[in-house]
């Protein structure tokens, strides 16, 4: 009984899959959308790579300031700012700390 149900489900899935393949095969707009998505992905990853490197450098700079130079910074706000804005965020935090502005 279960073998018959499995065979029927497989045939039905194969029929649906075959219809989808027949619709997509040779369909030029689908090819254009696919190429456009690939290009968009490459561009987004190229830009995100710079953002990720900046964030990592910011967190490293934060760790050096806190653990090596013993600069007293509030943990959560300074870490979040350094992770989001990178080295520029650390620079702003240090300027605020120098001017004695509460963070």
N, C-alpha and C. Protein backbone atom coordinates (compact mmCIF):
# COMPACT_ATOMS: atom_id res chain seq x y z
N UNK A 1 0.82 -1.18 0.00
CA UNK A 1 0.00 0.00 0.00
C UNK A 1 0.87 1.25 0.00
N UNK A 2 1.86 1.27 0.90
CA UNK A 2 2.72 2.44 0.97
C UNK A 2 3.56 2.59 -0.29
N UNK A 3 3.92 1.47 -0.92
CA UNK A 3 4.69 1.54 -2.16
C UNK A 3 3.86 2.16 -3.28
N UNK A 4 2.58 1.86 -3.31
CA UNK A 4 1.69 2.43 -4.33
C UNK A 4 1.54 3.93 -4.12
N UNK A 5 1.36 4.35 -2.85
CA UNK A 5 1.26 5.78 -2.55
C UNK A 5 2.55 6.51 -2.89
N UNK A 6 3.69 5.89 -2.58
CA UNK A 6 4.98 6.50 -2.88
C UNK A 6 5.17 6.64 -4.38
N UNK A 7 4.79 5.63 -5.13
CA UNK A 7 4.93 5.67 -6.59
C UNK A 7 4.00 6.75 -7.17
N UNK A 8 2.79 6.87 -6.66
CA UNK A 8 1.85 7.88 -7.16
C UNK A 8 2.36 9.29 -6.85
N UNK A 9 2.90 9.48 -5.64
CA UNK A 9 3.42 10.80 -5.27
C UNK A 9 4.63 11.15 -6.12
N UNK A 10 5.49 10.18 -6.39
CA UNK A 10 6.67 10.42 -7.21
C UNK A 10 6.28 10.79 -8.64
N UNK A 11 5.30 10.09 -9.19
CA UNK A 11 4.85 10.40 -10.55
C UNK A 11 4.23 11.79 -10.62
N UNK A 12 3.45 12.16 -9.60
CA UNK A 12 2.82 13.47 -9.60
C UNK A 12 3.88 14.57 -9.45
N UNK A 13 4.86 14.37 -8.58
CA UNK A 13 5.93 15.35 -8.40
C UNK A 13 6.75 15.47 -9.68
N UNK A 14 7.01 14.35 -10.33
CA UNK A 14 7.74 14.37 -11.60
C UNK A 14 6.98 15.13 -12.66
N UNK A 15 5.66 15.00 -12.66
CA UNK A 15 4.84 15.72 -13.63
C UNK A 15 4.87 17.22 -13.39
N UNK A 16 4.79 17.63 -12.12
CA UNK A 16 4.84 19.04 -11.78
C UNK A 16 6.22 19.61 -12.09
N UNK A 17 7.27 18.86 -11.73
CA UNK A 17 8.63 19.30 -12.02
C UNK A 17 8.87 19.40 -13.51
N UNK A 18 8.35 18.45 -14.25
CA UNK A 18 8.50 18.48 -15.71
C UNK A 18 7.81 19.69 -16.32
N UNK A 19 6.65 20.05 -15.79
CA UNK A 19 5.95 21.24 -16.28
C UNK A 19 6.76 22.50 -16.00
N UNK A 20 7.36 22.57 -14.83
CA UNK A 20 8.17 23.74 -14.48
C UNK A 20 9.39 23.84 -15.38
N UNK A 21 10.03 22.72 -15.63
CA UNK A 21 11.21 22.72 -16.50
C UNK A 21 10.81 23.12 -17.91
N UNK A 22 9.70 22.62 -18.40
CA UNK A 22 9.24 22.98 -19.74
C UNK A 22 8.91 24.47 -19.83
N UNK A 23 8.38 25.04 -18.76
CA UNK A 23 8.07 26.47 -18.76
C UNK A 23 9.35 27.31 -18.77
N UNK A 24 10.35 26.90 -17.98
CA UNK A 24 11.57 27.69 -17.83
C UNK A 24 12.55 27.51 -18.97
N UNK A 25 12.56 26.34 -19.59
CA UNK A 25 13.53 26.06 -20.64
C UNK A 25 13.23 26.91 -21.87
N UNK A 26 14.23 27.65 -22.32
CA UNK A 26 14.09 28.48 -23.50
C UNK A 26 13.33 29.76 -23.27
N UNK A 27 13.03 30.11 -22.03
CA UNK A 27 12.29 31.32 -21.71
C UNK A 27 13.31 32.45 -21.48
N UNK A 28 13.43 33.36 -22.45
CA UNK A 28 14.44 34.41 -22.40
C UNK A 28 14.27 35.38 -21.23
N UNK A 29 13.07 35.77 -20.86
CA UNK A 29 12.95 36.66 -19.69
C UNK A 29 13.47 36.01 -18.40
N UNK A 30 13.30 34.72 -18.27
CA UNK A 30 13.82 34.03 -17.09
C UNK A 30 15.34 34.08 -17.09
N UNK A 31 15.95 33.91 -18.26
CA UNK A 31 17.40 34.00 -18.38
C UNK A 31 17.90 35.40 -18.03
N UNK A 32 17.19 36.43 -18.50
CA UNK A 32 17.57 37.81 -18.22
C UNK A 32 17.46 38.11 -16.72
N UNK A 33 16.41 37.65 -16.08
CA UNK A 33 16.24 37.86 -14.64
C UNK A 33 17.35 37.13 -13.87
N UNK A 34 17.68 35.92 -14.30
CA UNK A 34 18.74 35.16 -13.64
C UNK A 34 20.09 35.86 -13.74
N UNK A 35 20.42 36.37 -14.91
CA UNK A 35 21.68 37.08 -15.08
C UNK A 35 21.68 38.37 -14.26
N UNK A 36 20.54 39.07 -14.24
CA UNK A 36 20.43 40.28 -13.44
C UNK A 36 20.62 40.01 -11.96
N UNK A 37 20.07 38.92 -11.46
CA UNK A 37 20.24 38.56 -10.05
C UNK A 37 21.69 38.21 -9.72
N UNK A 38 22.36 37.54 -10.64
CA UNK A 38 23.78 37.20 -10.43
C UNK A 38 24.61 38.47 -10.36
N UNK A 39 24.37 39.42 -11.27
CA UNK A 39 25.12 40.68 -11.27
C UNK A 39 24.84 41.46 -9.99
N UNK A 40 23.57 41.52 -9.58
CA UNK A 40 23.22 42.23 -8.35
C UNK A 40 23.91 41.61 -7.14
N UNK A 41 23.97 40.30 -7.10
CA UNK A 41 24.63 39.62 -5.98
C UNK A 41 26.11 39.94 -5.92
N UNK A 42 26.78 39.95 -7.07
CA UNK A 42 28.21 40.25 -7.10
C UNK A 42 28.45 41.69 -6.63
N UNK A 43 27.63 42.63 -7.08
CA UNK A 43 27.80 44.04 -6.68
C UNK A 43 27.54 44.20 -5.19
N UNK A 44 26.50 43.59 -4.68
CA UNK A 44 26.17 43.70 -3.25
C UNK A 44 27.29 43.10 -2.40
N UNK A 45 27.80 41.96 -2.78
CA UNK A 45 28.87 41.32 -2.01
C UNK A 45 30.14 42.18 -2.05
N UNK A 46 30.43 42.81 -3.20
CA UNK A 46 31.61 43.67 -3.29
C UNK A 46 31.49 44.84 -2.33
N UNK A 47 30.30 45.42 -2.21
CA UNK A 47 30.11 46.55 -1.29
C UNK A 47 30.09 46.07 0.16
N UNK A 48 29.45 44.96 0.42
CA UNK A 48 29.37 44.44 1.78
C UNK A 48 30.74 44.03 2.31
N UNK A 49 31.61 43.62 1.42
CA UNK A 49 32.94 43.21 1.85
C UNK A 49 33.65 44.39 2.51
N UNK A 50 33.52 45.58 1.94
CA UNK A 50 34.13 46.77 2.52
C UNK A 50 33.50 47.10 3.88
N UNK A 51 32.19 46.95 3.97
CA UNK A 51 31.49 47.24 5.22
C UNK A 51 31.92 46.24 6.30
N UNK A 52 32.03 44.99 5.93
CA UNK A 52 32.41 43.96 6.90
C UNK A 52 33.83 44.20 7.39
N UNK A 53 34.74 44.53 6.48
CA UNK A 53 36.13 44.80 6.89
C UNK A 53 36.18 46.00 7.83
N UNK A 54 35.42 47.06 7.52
CA UNK A 54 35.39 48.24 8.38
C UNK A 54 34.85 47.89 9.76
N UNK A 55 33.80 47.08 9.83
CA UNK A 55 33.23 46.69 11.11
C UNK A 55 34.21 45.85 11.92
N UNK A 56 34.88 44.93 11.28
CA UNK A 56 35.86 44.10 11.99
C UNK A 56 37.01 44.95 12.51
N UNK A 57 37.49 45.88 11.70
CA UNK A 57 38.56 46.77 12.16
C UNK A 57 38.10 47.62 13.33
N UNK A 58 36.84 48.06 13.31
CA UNK A 58 36.30 48.84 14.42
C UNK A 58 36.26 48.04 15.71
N UNK A 59 35.83 46.79 15.62
CA UNK A 59 35.77 45.95 16.83
C UNK A 59 37.18 45.64 17.33
N UNK A 60 38.13 45.43 16.42
CA UNK A 60 39.52 45.19 16.84
C UNK A 60 40.08 46.44 17.53
N UNK A 61 39.81 47.61 16.95
CA UNK A 61 40.28 48.86 17.57
C UNK A 61 39.65 49.06 18.93
N UNK A 62 38.36 48.72 19.05
CA UNK A 62 37.68 48.82 20.35
C UNK A 62 38.36 47.92 21.38
N UNK A 63 38.65 46.68 20.97
CA UNK A 63 39.28 45.73 21.89
C UNK A 63 40.67 46.22 22.30
N UNK A 64 41.43 46.78 21.36
CA UNK A 64 42.77 47.29 21.70
C UNK A 64 42.65 48.45 22.68
N UNK A 65 41.71 49.34 22.44
CA UNK A 65 41.54 50.48 23.35
C UNK A 65 41.15 50.03 24.76
N UNK A 66 40.22 49.10 24.83
CA UNK A 66 39.70 48.68 26.14
C UNK A 66 40.69 47.78 26.88
N UNK A 67 41.29 46.82 26.19
CA UNK A 67 42.10 45.82 26.88
C UNK A 67 43.58 46.16 26.94
N UNK A 68 44.10 46.87 25.95
CA UNK A 68 45.53 47.19 25.94
C UNK A 68 45.79 48.55 26.59
N UNK A 69 45.03 49.57 26.15
CA UNK A 69 45.27 50.91 26.66
C UNK A 69 44.39 51.26 27.86
N UNK A 70 43.54 50.36 28.27
CA UNK A 70 42.66 50.52 29.44
C UNK A 70 41.83 51.81 29.38
N UNK A 71 41.31 52.14 28.22
CA UNK A 71 40.40 53.27 28.08
C UNK A 71 39.04 52.82 28.60
N UNK A 72 38.49 53.55 29.55
CA UNK A 72 37.22 53.17 30.15
C UNK A 72 36.07 53.62 29.26
N UNK A 73 35.49 52.69 28.52
CA UNK A 73 34.35 52.96 27.64
C UNK A 73 33.18 52.10 28.10
N UNK A 74 31.96 52.64 28.00
CA UNK A 74 30.79 51.79 28.31
C UNK A 74 30.72 50.64 27.31
N UNK A 75 30.47 49.46 27.82
CA UNK A 75 30.59 48.26 27.00
C UNK A 75 29.65 48.24 25.80
N UNK A 76 28.36 48.22 26.03
CA UNK A 76 27.39 48.01 24.95
C UNK A 76 27.37 49.17 23.95
N UNK A 77 27.22 50.43 24.38
CA UNK A 77 27.16 51.50 23.37
C UNK A 77 28.42 51.61 22.52
N UNK A 78 29.58 51.52 23.16
CA UNK A 78 30.81 51.67 22.39
C UNK A 78 31.06 50.49 21.47
N UNK A 79 30.72 49.30 21.91
CA UNK A 79 30.90 48.12 21.06
C UNK A 79 29.95 48.15 19.87
N UNK A 80 28.72 48.56 20.09
CA UNK A 80 27.74 48.64 18.98
C UNK A 80 28.17 49.70 17.98
N UNK A 81 28.59 50.86 18.46
CA UNK A 81 29.03 51.93 17.56
C UNK A 81 30.26 51.49 16.77
N UNK A 82 31.19 50.82 17.41
CA UNK A 82 32.38 50.36 16.70
C UNK A 82 32.05 49.28 15.69
N UNK A 83 31.08 48.43 15.99
CA UNK A 83 30.71 47.37 15.04
C UNK A 83 29.94 47.94 13.85
N UNK A 84 29.13 48.96 14.07
CA UNK A 84 28.33 49.51 12.96
C UNK A 84 29.14 50.50 12.13
N UNK A 85 29.84 51.43 12.80
CA UNK A 85 30.52 52.50 12.08
C UNK A 85 32.02 52.29 11.92
N UNK A 86 32.55 51.24 12.51
CA UNK A 86 33.95 50.91 12.31
C UNK A 86 34.90 51.89 12.98
N UNK A 87 35.99 52.18 12.28
CA UNK A 87 37.02 53.04 12.84
C UNK A 87 36.52 54.47 13.05
N UNK A 88 35.63 54.94 12.19
CA UNK A 88 35.08 56.29 12.37
C UNK A 88 34.27 56.36 13.66
N UNK A 89 33.53 55.32 13.98
CA UNK A 89 32.77 55.28 15.22
C UNK A 89 33.69 55.32 16.44
N UNK A 90 34.80 54.59 16.38
CA UNK A 90 35.76 54.61 17.48
C UNK A 90 36.36 56.01 17.62
N UNK A 91 36.64 56.65 16.50
CA UNK A 91 37.18 58.01 16.55
C UNK A 91 36.20 58.97 17.21
N UNK A 92 34.93 58.87 16.87
CA UNK A 92 33.92 59.75 17.48
C UNK A 92 33.80 59.46 18.98
N UNK A 93 33.83 58.20 19.35
CA UNK A 93 33.74 57.85 20.77
C UNK A 93 34.93 58.42 21.54
N UNK A 94 36.13 58.35 20.94
CA UNK A 94 37.30 58.89 21.62
C UNK A 94 37.22 60.41 21.75
N UNK A 95 36.72 61.08 20.72
CA UNK A 95 36.55 62.54 20.79
C UNK A 95 35.54 62.88 21.88
N UNK A 96 34.42 62.16 21.93
CA UNK A 96 33.43 62.41 22.98
C UNK A 96 34.02 62.15 24.36
N UNK A 97 34.83 61.11 24.48
CA UNK A 97 35.47 60.80 25.76
C UNK A 97 36.45 61.91 26.16
N UNK A 98 37.18 62.45 25.18
CA UNK A 98 38.13 63.52 25.44
C UNK A 98 37.41 64.79 25.90
N UNK A 99 36.24 65.06 25.33
CA UNK A 99 35.48 66.25 25.67
C UNK A 99 34.60 66.03 26.91
N UNK A 100 34.71 64.84 27.50
CA UNK A 100 33.98 64.50 28.73
C UNK A 100 32.47 64.51 28.52
N UNK A 101 32.02 64.09 27.36
CA UNK A 101 30.60 63.98 27.06
C UNK A 101 30.15 62.56 27.47
N UNK A 102 29.09 62.45 28.25
CA UNK A 102 28.64 61.10 28.64
C UNK A 102 28.10 60.34 27.43
N UNK A 103 28.45 59.09 27.37
CA UNK A 103 28.02 58.25 26.24
C UNK A 103 26.90 57.35 26.69
